[in-house]
Amino acid sequence: MDLGLKDKVALVTAASKGLGRATALQFAREGAKVALCARSDLVHTAAEDIRAETGADVLAVPNIDVARPEDCEAVVKATVDRFGGLDILVTNAGGPPSGAFVNIDLETWRKAVDLTLLSAVRLIQCALPHLRRSSTPAILTMASYSVKQPIPNLTLSNSIRLAVIGLTKTLSQELGPDRIRVNSILPGWTYTERVEELMRARAEKSGRTPEEEAARITADIPLGRMGRPQEFANVAVFLCSPAASFVNGAMLQVDGGIIQGTL
């Protein structure tokens, strides 16, 4: 299937590794021009690898922390300056710290809101004037299956990602008349660097090994394994593409069936 992404401009934030990097790579494979950012210089390595594999036009923007309003503005500006416009925005950010409610202070809550919710708000605000000029505009927010089924010891993520879903659904209604589609993707357990960190943190708390912690998780996944970043990226890129032109306001699970509810 031709997804219709050739020469489209996509901005993927927090894309030096994990789900963000996999998504940026898949956009490039589909012929899009891709901008990716991250807090570290590792984003240059990611961009070089994507260029080498795909031959795509790729922009790396380092030292971007999407929790800072000025950085959101800077990365959108850098993208538009380089490519002349913007068609697709993927609002990704590193997850907030793990922990139980009783162990989280108010300042940590504030930082988590800035990172997980307000980063999406700011990026969309900055991108919106440019998306309005696109013939195929799309926004994709990244959430988690925890919005439907809370994950133990992830109080911040469980709580704040629900607000991202509320934002996504609201914008799908408000921006739909402008032909701007807004969707969200709800990944389940996908084996990335962040999941490795979570497994180590769980192991330290439980006294088990990280491998044992991972096995306890996969036991609850009907497919019997964690997902791969490429599997997430395939769905994310489709949702943003003109091939999904009538998909708006969707909250699509990519979780191997771990969510047991029907809604």
C-alpha atoms as a PDB file:
ATOM      1  CA  MET A   1       0.000   0.000   0.000  1.00  0.00           C
ATOM      2  CA  ASP A   2       1.235   3.490  -0.863  1.00  0.00           C
ATOM      3  CA  LEU A   3       0.679   5.577   2.256  1.00  0.00           C
ATOM      4  CA  GLY A   4       1.009   8.837   0.320  1.00  0.00           C
ATOM      5  CA  LEU A   5       3.874  10.162   2.432  1.00  0.00           C
ATOM      6  CA  LYS A   6       6.449  10.930  -0.244  1.00  0.00           C
ATOM      7  CA  ASP A   7       7.915  14.418   0.348  1.00  0.00           C
ATOM      8  CA  LYS A   8       5.602  15.068   3.307  1.00  0.00           C
ATOM      9  CA  VAL A   9       7.281  16.756   6.274  1.00  0.00           C
ATOM     10  CA  ALA A  10       7.062  14.976   9.619  1.00  0.00           C
ATOM     11  CA  LEU A  11       8.363  16.170  12.987  1.00  0.00           C
ATOM     12  CA  VAL A  12       8.901  13.474  15.624  1.00  0.00           C
ATOM     13  CA  THR A  13      10.016  14.620  19.062  1.00  0.00           C
ATOM     14  CA  ALA A  14      12.097  12.620  21.560  1.00  0.00           C
ATOM     15  CA  ALA A  15      13.343  10.509  18.658  1.00  0.00           C
ATOM     16  CA  SER A  16      16.957   9.628  19.456  1.00  0.00           C
ATOM     17  CA  LYS A  17      15.907   6.128  20.546  1.00  0.00           C
ATOM     18  CA  GLY A  18      12.962   3.892  21.329  1.00  0.00           C
ATOM     19  CA  LEU A  19       9.515   4.431  19.838  1.00  0.00           C
ATOM     20  CA  GLY A  20      10.343   7.917  18.584  1.00  0.00           C
ATOM     21  CA  ARG A  21      13.361   6.770  16.613  1.00  0.00           C
ATOM     22  CA  ALA A  22      11.500   3.789  15.147  1.00  0.00           C
ATOM     23  CA  THR A  23       8.689   6.101  14.045  1.00  0.00           C
ATOM     24  CA  ALA A  24      11.060   8.617  12.459  1.00  0.00           C
ATOM     25  CA  LEU A  25      12.794   5.803  10.590  1.00  0.00           C
ATOM     26  CA  GLN A  26       9.507   4.455   9.243  1.00  0.00           C
ATOM     27  CA  PHE A  27       8.465   7.903   8.009  1.00  0.00           C
ATOM     28  CA  ALA A  28      11.762   8.108   6.143  1.00  0.00           C
ATOM     29  CA  ARG A  29      11.248   4.651   4.644  1.00  0.00           C
ATOM     30  CA  GLU A  30       7.922   5.887   3.299  1.00  0.00           C
ATOM     31  CA  GLY A  31       9.608   8.818   1.551  1.00  0.00           C
ATOM     32  CA  ALA A  32       8.856  11.595   4.026  1.00  0.00           C
ATOM     33  CA  LYS A  33      11.224  14.361   5.028  1.00  0.00           C
ATOM     34  CA  VAL A  34      11.824  13.957   8.725  1.00  0.00           C
ATOM     35  CA  ALA A  35      12.853  16.235  11.584  1.00  0.00           C
ATOM     36  CA  LEU A  36      13.746  14.623  14.877  1.00  0.00           C
ATOM     37  CA  CYS A  37      14.838  16.107  18.167  1.00  0.00           C
ATOM     38  CA  ALA A  38      16.047  14.992  21.559  1.00  0.00           C
ATOM     39  CA  ARG A  39      17.672  16.352  24.682  1.00  0.00           C
ATOM     40  CA  SER A  40      21.074  14.908  23.788  1.00  0.00           C
ATOM     41  CA  ASP A  41      23.443  14.777  20.826  1.00  0.00           C
ATOM     42  CA  LEU A  42      22.435  11.152  20.274  1.00  0.00           C
ATOM     43  CA  VAL A  43      19.823  12.515  17.905  1.00  0.00           C
ATOM     44  CA  HIS A  44      22.624  13.150  15.392  1.00  0.00           C
ATOM     45  CA  THR A  45      23.521   9.463  15.410  1.00  0.00           C
ATOM     46  CA  ALA A  46      19.876   8.518  14.922  1.00  0.00           C
ATOM     47  CA  ALA A  47      19.563  10.941  11.992  1.00  0.00           C
ATOM     48  CA  GLU A  48      22.767   9.669  10.371  1.00  0.00           C
ATOM     49  CA  ASP A  49      21.581   6.074  10.640  1.00  0.00           C
ATOM     50  CA  ILE A  50      18.204   6.950   9.124  1.00  0.00           C
ATOM     51  CA  ARG A  51      19.844   8.833   6.244  1.00  0.00           C
ATOM     52  CA  ALA A  52      22.214   5.956   5.586  1.00  0.00           C
ATOM     53  CA  GLU A  53      19.415   3.393   5.436  1.00  0.00           C
ATOM     54  CA  THR A  54      16.798   5.377   3.529  1.00  0.00           C
ATOM     55  CA  GLY A  55      18.519   8.245   1.709  1.00  0.00           C
ATOM     56  CA  ALA A  56      15.850  10.535   3.151  1.00  0.00           C
ATOM     57  CA  ASP A  57      16.255  14.220   3.950  1.00  0.00           C
ATOM     58  CA  VAL A  58      16.596  14.194   7.739  1.00  0.00           C
ATOM     59  CA  LEU A  59      17.057  17.076  10.163  1.00  0.00           C
ATOM     60  CA  ALA A  60      18.450  16.466  13.647  1.00  0.00           C
ATOM     61  CA  VAL A  61      17.762  19.106  16.304  1.00  0.00           C
ATOM     62  CA  PRO A  62      19.724  18.406  19.517  1.00  0.00           C
ATOM     63  CA  ASN A  63      19.402  19.902  22.998  1.00  0.00           C
ATOM     64  CA  ILE A  64      15.611  20.077  22.825  1.00  0.00           C
ATOM     65  CA  ASP A  65      13.679  19.473  26.032  1.00  0.00           C
ATOM     66  CA  VAL A  66       9.979  19.489  25.162  1.00  0.00           C
ATOM     67  CA  ALA A  67       9.172  20.330  28.779  1.00  0.00           C
ATOM     68  CA  ARG A  68      10.517  23.833  28.018  1.00  0.00           C
ATOM     69  CA  PRO A  69       8.168  26.110  26.018  1.00  0.00           C
ATOM     70  CA  GLU A  70      11.007  27.830  24.159  1.00  0.00           C
ATOM     71  CA  ASP A  71      12.381  24.479  22.969  1.00  0.00           C
ATOM     72  CA  CYS A  72       9.007  23.469  21.515  1.00  0.00           C
ATOM     73  CA  GLU A  73       8.959  26.687  19.535  1.00  0.00           C
ATOM     74  CA  ALA A  74      12.572  26.222  18.450  1.00  0.00           C
ATOM     75  CA  VAL A  75      12.159  22.723  17.039  1.00  0.00           C
ATOM     76  CA  VAL A  76       9.036  23.627  15.068  1.00  0.00           C
ATOM     77  CA  LYS A  77      10.793  26.699  13.676  1.00  0.00           C
ATOM     78  CA  ALA A  78      13.874  24.677  12.740  1.00  0.00           C
ATOM     79  CA  THR A  79      11.703  22.147  10.910  1.00  0.00           C
ATOM     80  CA  VAL A  80       9.788  24.757   8.919  1.00  0.00           C
ATOM     81  CA  ASP A  81      12.947  26.725   8.140  1.00  0.00           C
ATOM     82  CA  ARG A  82      14.602  23.593   6.737  1.00  0.00           C
ATOM     83  CA  PHE A  83      11.704  22.050   4.827  1.00  0.00           C
ATOM     84  CA  GLY A  84       9.412  24.991   4.114  1.00  0.00           C
ATOM     85  CA  GLY A  85       6.400  23.630   5.949  1.00  0.00           C
ATOM     86  CA  LEU A  86       4.994  20.945   8.221  1.00  0.00           C
ATOM     87  CA  ASP A  87       2.459  18.203   7.477  1.00  0.00           C
ATOM     88  CA  ILE A  88       2.724  15.840  10.441  1.00  0.00           C
ATOM     89  CA  LEU A  89       3.459  16.321  14.143  1.00  0.00           C
ATOM     90  CA  VAL A  90       4.155  13.402  16.485  1.00  0.00           C
ATOM     91  CA  THR A  91       4.254  14.583  20.105  1.00  0.00           C
ATOM     92  CA  ASN A  92       6.497  12.149  21.900  1.00  0.00           C
ATOM     93  CA  ALA A  93       8.284  12.637  25.232  1.00  0.00           C
ATOM     94  CA  GLY A  94      10.153  10.493  27.709  1.00  0.00           C
ATOM     95  CA  GLY A  95       7.939   9.028  30.379  1.00  0.00           C
ATOM     96  CA  PRO A  96       7.713  10.517  33.882  1.00  0.00           C
ATOM     97  CA  PRO A  97       9.370   8.719  36.808  1.00  0.00           C
ATOM     98  CA  SER A  98       7.885   5.558  38.225  1.00  0.00           C
ATOM     99  CA  GLY A  99       6.639   5.462  41.808  1.00  0.00           C
ATOM    100  CA  ALA A 100       3.647   5.036  44.095  1.00  0.00           C
ATOM    101  CA  PHE A 101       1.420   8.002  44.967  1.00  0.00           C
ATOM    102  CA  VAL A 102       2.621   8.240  48.574  1.00  0.00           C
ATOM    103  CA  ASN A 103       6.230   8.666  47.427  1.00  0.00           C
ATOM    104  CA  ILE A 104       5.698  11.460  44.885  1.00  0.00           C
ATOM    105  CA  ASP A 105       5.983  15.098  45.946  1.00  0.00           C
ATOM    106  CA  LEU A 106       4.137  18.008  44.370  1.00  0.00           C
ATOM    107  CA  GLU A 107       7.173  19.329  42.483  1.00  0.00           C
ATOM    108  CA  THR A 108       7.593  15.955  40.782  1.00  0.00           C
ATOM    109  CA  TRP A 109       3.916  16.111  39.781  1.00  0.00           C
ATOM    110  CA  ARG A 110       4.458  19.582  38.279  1.00  0.00           C
ATOM    111  CA  LYS A 111       7.473  18.422  36.267  1.00  0.00           C
ATOM    112  CA  ALA A 112       5.561  15.393  35.035  1.00  0.00           C
ATOM    113  CA  VAL A 113       2.669  17.574  33.860  1.00  0.00           C
ATOM    114  CA  ASP A 114       5.124  19.798  31.980  1.00  0.00           C
ATOM    115  CA  LEU A 115       6.750  16.783  30.343  1.00  0.00           C
ATOM    116  CA  THR A 116       3.767  14.601  29.544  1.00  0.00           C
ATOM    117  CA  LEU A 117       0.849  16.993  28.975  1.00  0.00           C
ATOM    118  CA  LEU A 118       2.071  20.535  28.429  1.00  0.00           C
ATOM    119  CA  SER A 119       4.760  19.433  25.990  1.00  0.00           C
ATOM    120  CA  ALA A 120       1.997  18.193  23.688  1.00  0.00           C
ATOM    121  CA  VAL A 121       0.001  21.389  24.217  1.00  0.00           C
ATOM    122  CA  ARG A 122       2.968  23.619  23.401  1.00  0.00           C
ATOM    123  CA  LEU A 123       4.108  21.638  20.378  1.00  0.00           C
ATOM    124  CA  ILE A 124       0.615  21.660  18.901  1.00  0.00           C
ATOM    125  CA  GLN A 125       0.234  25.386  19.557  1.00  0.00           C
ATOM    126  CA  CYS A 126       3.513  26.073  17.731  1.00  0.00           C
ATOM    127  CA  ALA A 127       2.789  23.700  14.861  1.00  0.00           C
ATOM    128  CA  LEU A 128      -0.831  24.648  14.238  1.00  0.00           C
ATOM    129  CA  PRO A 129      -0.266  27.672  11.944  1.00  0.00           C
ATOM    130  CA  HIS A 130       1.930  25.531   9.699  1.00  0.00           C
ATOM    131  CA  LEU A 131      -0.375  22.506   9.754  1.00  0.00           C
ATOM    132  CA  ARG A 132      -3.248  24.725   8.623  1.00  0.00           C
ATOM    133  CA  ARG A 133      -1.304  25.356   5.404  1.00  0.00           C
ATOM    134  CA  SER A 134      -0.800  21.644   4.700  1.00  0.00           C
ATOM    135  CA  SER A 135      -3.033  19.685   2.349  1.00  0.00           C
ATOM    136  CA  THR A 136      -2.734  16.551   4.526  1.00  0.00           C
ATOM    137  CA  PRO A 137      -2.224  17.708   8.135  1.00  0.00           C
ATOM    138  CA  ALA A 138      -2.118  15.216  10.982  1.00  0.00           C
ATOM    139  CA  ILE A 139      -1.232  15.192  14.673  1.00  0.00           C
ATOM    140  CA  LEU A 140      -0.438  12.051  16.621  1.00  0.00           C
ATOM    141  CA  THR A 141      -0.093  12.055  20.401  1.00  0.00           C
ATOM    142  CA  MET A 142       1.610   9.191  22.171  1.00  0.00           C
ATOM    143  CA  ALA A 143      -0.031   7.858  25.308  1.00  0.00           C
ATOM    144  CA  SER A 144      -0.067   4.375  26.842  1.00  0.00           C
ATOM    145  CA  TYR A 145      -2.424   1.476  27.388  1.00  0.00           C
ATOM    146  CA  SER A 146      -2.392   2.655  31.011  1.00  0.00           C
ATOM    147  CA  VAL A 147      -5.137   5.153  30.139  1.00  0.00           C
ATOM    148  CA  LYS A 148      -7.482   2.150  29.990  1.00  0.00           C
ATOM    149  CA  GLN A 149      -5.776  -0.175  32.448  1.00  0.00           C
ATOM    150  CA  PRO A 150      -3.461   1.408  35.061  1.00  0.00           C
ATOM    151  CA  ILE A 151       0.038  -0.017  35.406  1.00  0.00           C
ATOM    152  CA  PRO A 152       1.320  -0.660  38.961  1.00  0.00           C
ATOM    153  CA  ASN A 153       3.882   1.850  40.272  1.00  0.00           C
ATOM    154  CA  LEU A 154       3.340   4.274  37.370  1.00  0.00           C
ATOM    155  CA  THR A 155       1.081   6.753  39.169  1.00  0.00           C
ATOM    156  CA  LEU A 156       2.271   9.797  37.227  1.00  0.00           C
ATOM    157  CA  SER A 157       1.964   8.194  33.807  1.00  0.00           C
ATOM    158  CA  ASN A 158      -1.381   6.563  34.624  1.00  0.00           C
ATOM    159  CA  SER A 159      -2.821   9.919  35.686  1.00  0.00           C
ATOM    160  CA  ILE A 160      -1.383  12.481  33.304  1.00  0.00           C
ATOM    161  CA  ARG A 161      -1.651  10.492  30.087  1.00  0.00           C
ATOM    162  CA  LEU A 162      -5.416  10.512  30.545  1.00  0.00           C
ATOM    163  CA  ALA A 163      -5.248  14.284  30.114  1.00  0.00           C
ATOM    164  CA  VAL A 164      -3.363  13.792  26.837  1.00  0.00           C
ATOM    165  CA  ILE A 165      -6.224  11.606  25.630  1.00  0.00           C
ATOM    166  CA  GLY A 166      -8.735  14.272  26.621  1.00  0.00           C
ATOM    167  CA  LEU A 167      -6.719  16.830  24.675  1.00  0.00           C
ATOM    168  CA  THR A 168      -6.517  14.563  21.641  1.00  0.00           C
ATOM    169  CA  LYS A 169     -10.219  13.838  21.529  1.00  0.00           C
ATOM    170  CA  THR A 170     -11.116  17.494  22.025  1.00  0.00           C
ATOM    171  CA  LEU A 171      -8.772  18.661  19.273  1.00  0.00           C
ATOM    172  CA  SER A 172     -10.111  16.040  16.881  1.00  0.00           C
ATOM    173  CA  GLN A 173     -13.456  17.820  17.222  1.00  0.00           C
ATOM    174  CA  GLU A 174     -12.150  21.381  17.210  1.00  0.00           C
ATOM    175  CA  LEU A 175      -9.680  20.950  14.343  1.00  0.00           C
ATOM    176  CA  GLY A 176     -11.673  18.493  12.251  1.00  0.00           C
ATOM    177  CA  PRO A 177     -13.437  21.295  10.326  1.00  0.00           C
ATOM    178  CA  ASP A 178      -9.944  22.501   9.312  1.00  0.00           C
ATOM    179  CA  ARG A 179      -9.161  18.979   7.980  1.00  0.00           C
ATOM    180  CA  ILE A 180      -6.529  18.468  10.676  1.00  0.00           C
ATOM    181  CA  ARG A 181      -6.786  14.909  11.963  1.00  0.00           C
ATOM    182  CA  VAL A 182      -5.778  14.270  15.580  1.00  0.00           C
ATOM    183  CA  ASN A 183      -5.296  10.729  16.842  1.00  0.00           C
ATOM    184  CA  SER A 184      -3.516   8.950  19.647  1.00  0.00           C
ATOM    185  CA  ILE A 185      -1.721   5.649  19.895  1.00  0.00           C
ATOM    186  CA  LEU A 186      -1.738   3.533  23.052  1.00  0.00           C
ATOM    187  CA  PRO A 187       1.319   1.293  23.126  1.00  0.00           C
ATOM    188  CA  GLY A 188       1.528  -1.667  25.424  1.00  0.00           C
ATOM    189  CA  TRP A 189       4.770  -3.134  26.676  1.00  0.00           C
ATOM    190  CA  THR A 190       7.285  -2.567  23.889  1.00  0.00           C
ATOM    191  CA  TYR A 191      10.905  -3.533  24.442  1.00  0.00           C
ATOM    192  CA  THR A 192      12.755  -0.218  24.434  1.00  0.00           C
ATOM    193  CA  GLU A 193      15.495   1.346  26.529  1.00  0.00           C
ATOM    194  CA  ARG A 194      12.862   2.858  28.848  1.00  0.00           C
ATOM    195  CA  VAL A 195      11.292  -0.546  29.458  1.00  0.00           C
ATOM    196  CA  GLU A 196      14.719  -1.945  30.298  1.00  0.00           C
ATOM    197  CA  GLU A 197      15.029   0.805  32.930  1.00  0.00           C
ATOM    198  CA  LEU A 198      11.590   0.012  34.333  1.00  0.00           C
ATOM    199  CA  MET A 199      12.454  -3.683  34.569  1.00  0.00           C
ATOM    200  CA  ARG A 200      15.607  -2.853  36.527  1.00  0.00           C
ATOM    201  CA  ALA A 201      13.651  -0.545  38.848  1.00  0.00           C
ATOM    202  CA  ARG A 202      11.017  -3.211  39.466  1.00  0.00           C
ATOM    203  CA  ALA A 203      13.714  -5.815  40.093  1.00  0.00           C
ATOM    204  CA  GLU A 204      15.436  -3.635  42.688  1.00  0.00           C
ATOM    205  CA  LYS A 205      12.150  -3.204  44.517  1.00  0.00           C
ATOM    206  CA  SER A 206      11.007  -6.839  44.309  1.00  0.00           C
ATOM    207  CA  GLY A 207      14.284  -8.687  44.695  1.00  0.00           C
ATOM    208  CA  ARG A 208      13.714 -10.495  41.417  1.00  0.00           C
ATOM    209  CA  THR A 209      15.831 -10.176  38.279  1.00  0.00           C
ATOM    210  CA  PRO A 210      14.889  -7.863  35.364  1.00  0.00           C
ATOM    211  CA  GLU A 211      14.318 -10.991  33.269  1.00  0.00           C
ATOM    212  CA  GLU A 212      11.897 -12.364  35.826  1.00  0.00           C
ATOM    213  CA  GLU A 213      10.051  -9.048  35.903  1.00  0.00           C
ATOM    214  CA  ALA A 214       9.751  -9.088  32.106  1.00  0.00           C
ATOM    215  CA  ALA A 215       8.436 -12.648  32.198  1.00  0.00           C
ATOM    216  CA  ARG A 216       5.725 -11.632  34.681  1.00  0.00           C
ATOM    217  CA  ILE A 217       4.571  -8.975  32.229  1.00  0.00           C
ATOM    218  CA  THR A 218       4.575 -11.139  29.128  1.00  0.00           C
ATOM    219  CA  ALA A 219       2.513 -13.722  30.987  1.00  0.00           C
ATOM    220  CA  ASP A 220      -0.377 -11.214  30.839  1.00  0.00           C
ATOM    221  CA  ILE A 221      -0.009 -10.484  27.116  1.00  0.00           C
ATOM    222  CA  PRO A 222      -2.110 -12.851  24.962  1.00  0.00           C
ATOM    223  CA  LEU A 223       0.558 -12.853  22.239  1.00  0.00           C
ATOM    224  CA  GLY A 224       3.090 -13.993  24.816  1.00  0.00           C
ATOM    225  CA  ARG A 225       5.741 -11.322  24.252  1.00  0.00           C
ATOM    226  CA  MET A 226       6.440  -7.613  24.359  1.00  0.00           C
ATOM    227  CA  GLY A 227       6.079  -5.601  21.194  1.00  0.00           C
ATOM    228  CA  ARG A 228       8.898  -4.419  18.966  1.00  0.00           C
ATOM    229  CA  PRO A 229       9.449  -0.705  18.223  1.00  0.00           C
ATOM    230  CA  GLN A 230       8.962  -1.389  14.503  1.00  0.00           C
ATOM    231  CA  GLU A 231       5.491  -2.794  15.168  1.00  0.00           C
ATOM    232  CA  PHE A 232       4.545   0.404  16.955  1.00  0.00           C
ATOM    233  CA  ALA A 233       6.060   2.561  14.200  1.00  0.00           C
ATOM    234  CA  ASN A 234       4.103   0.797  11.464  1.00  0.00           C
ATOM    235  CA  VAL A 235       0.814   1.743  13.113  1.00  0.00           C
ATOM    236  CA  ALA A 236       1.904   5.270  14.068  1.00  0.00           C
ATOM    237  CA  VAL A 237       3.000   6.152  10.544  1.00  0.00           C
ATOM    238  CA  PHE A 238      -0.181   4.730   9.033  1.00  0.00           C
ATOM    239  CA  LEU A 239      -2.347   6.834  11.360  1.00  0.00           C
ATOM    240  CA  CYS A 240      -0.497   9.972  10.260  1.00  0.00           C
ATOM    241  CA  SER A 241      -0.632   9.160   6.568  1.00  0.00           C
ATOM    242  CA  PRO A 242      -3.171  10.161   3.909  1.00  0.00           C
ATOM    243  CA  ALA A 243      -4.030   6.444   3.706  1.00  0.00           C
ATOM    244  CA  ALA A 244      -5.828   6.942   7.053  1.00  0.00           C
ATOM    245  CA  SER A 245      -7.616  10.076   5.849  1.00  0.00           C
ATOM    246  CA  PHE A 246     -10.947   9.256   7.551  1.00  0.00           C
ATOM    247  CA  VAL A 247      -9.442   8.246  10.905  1.00  0.00           C
ATOM    248  CA  ASN A 248      -9.886  11.087  13.388  1.00  0.00           C
ATOM    249  CA  GLY A 249     -10.164  11.055  17.168  1.00  0.00           C
ATOM    250  CA  ALA A 250      -9.022   7.435  17.417  1.00  0.00           C
ATOM    251  CA  MET A 251      -7.221   5.981  20.430  1.00  0.00           C
ATOM    252  CA  LEU A 252      -5.596   2.948  18.863  1.00  0.00           C
ATOM    253  CA  GLN A 253      -4.147   0.203  21.050  1.00  0.00           C
ATOM    254  CA  VAL A 254      -0.916  -1.485  19.983  1.00  0.00           C
ATOM    255  CA  ASP A 255      -0.589  -3.740  22.984  1.00  0.00           C
ATOM    256  CA  GLY A 256      -0.691  -7.417  22.004  1.00  0.00           C
ATOM    257  CA  GLY A 257      -4.135  -7.660  23.573  1.00  0.00           C
ATOM    258  CA  ILE A 258      -3.133  -6.867  27.170  1.00  0.00           C
ATOM    259  CA  ILE A 259      -6.125  -4.568  27.716  1.00  0.00           C
ATOM    260  CA  GLN A 260      -8.953  -6.844  28.766  1.00  0.00           C
ATOM    261  CA  GLY A 261     -11.834  -4.356  28.596  1.00  0.00           C
ATOM    262  CA  THR A 262     -14.120  -3.975  25.598  1.00  0.00           C
ATOM    263  CA  LEU A 263     -14.026  -0.150  25.379  1.00  0.00           C
END
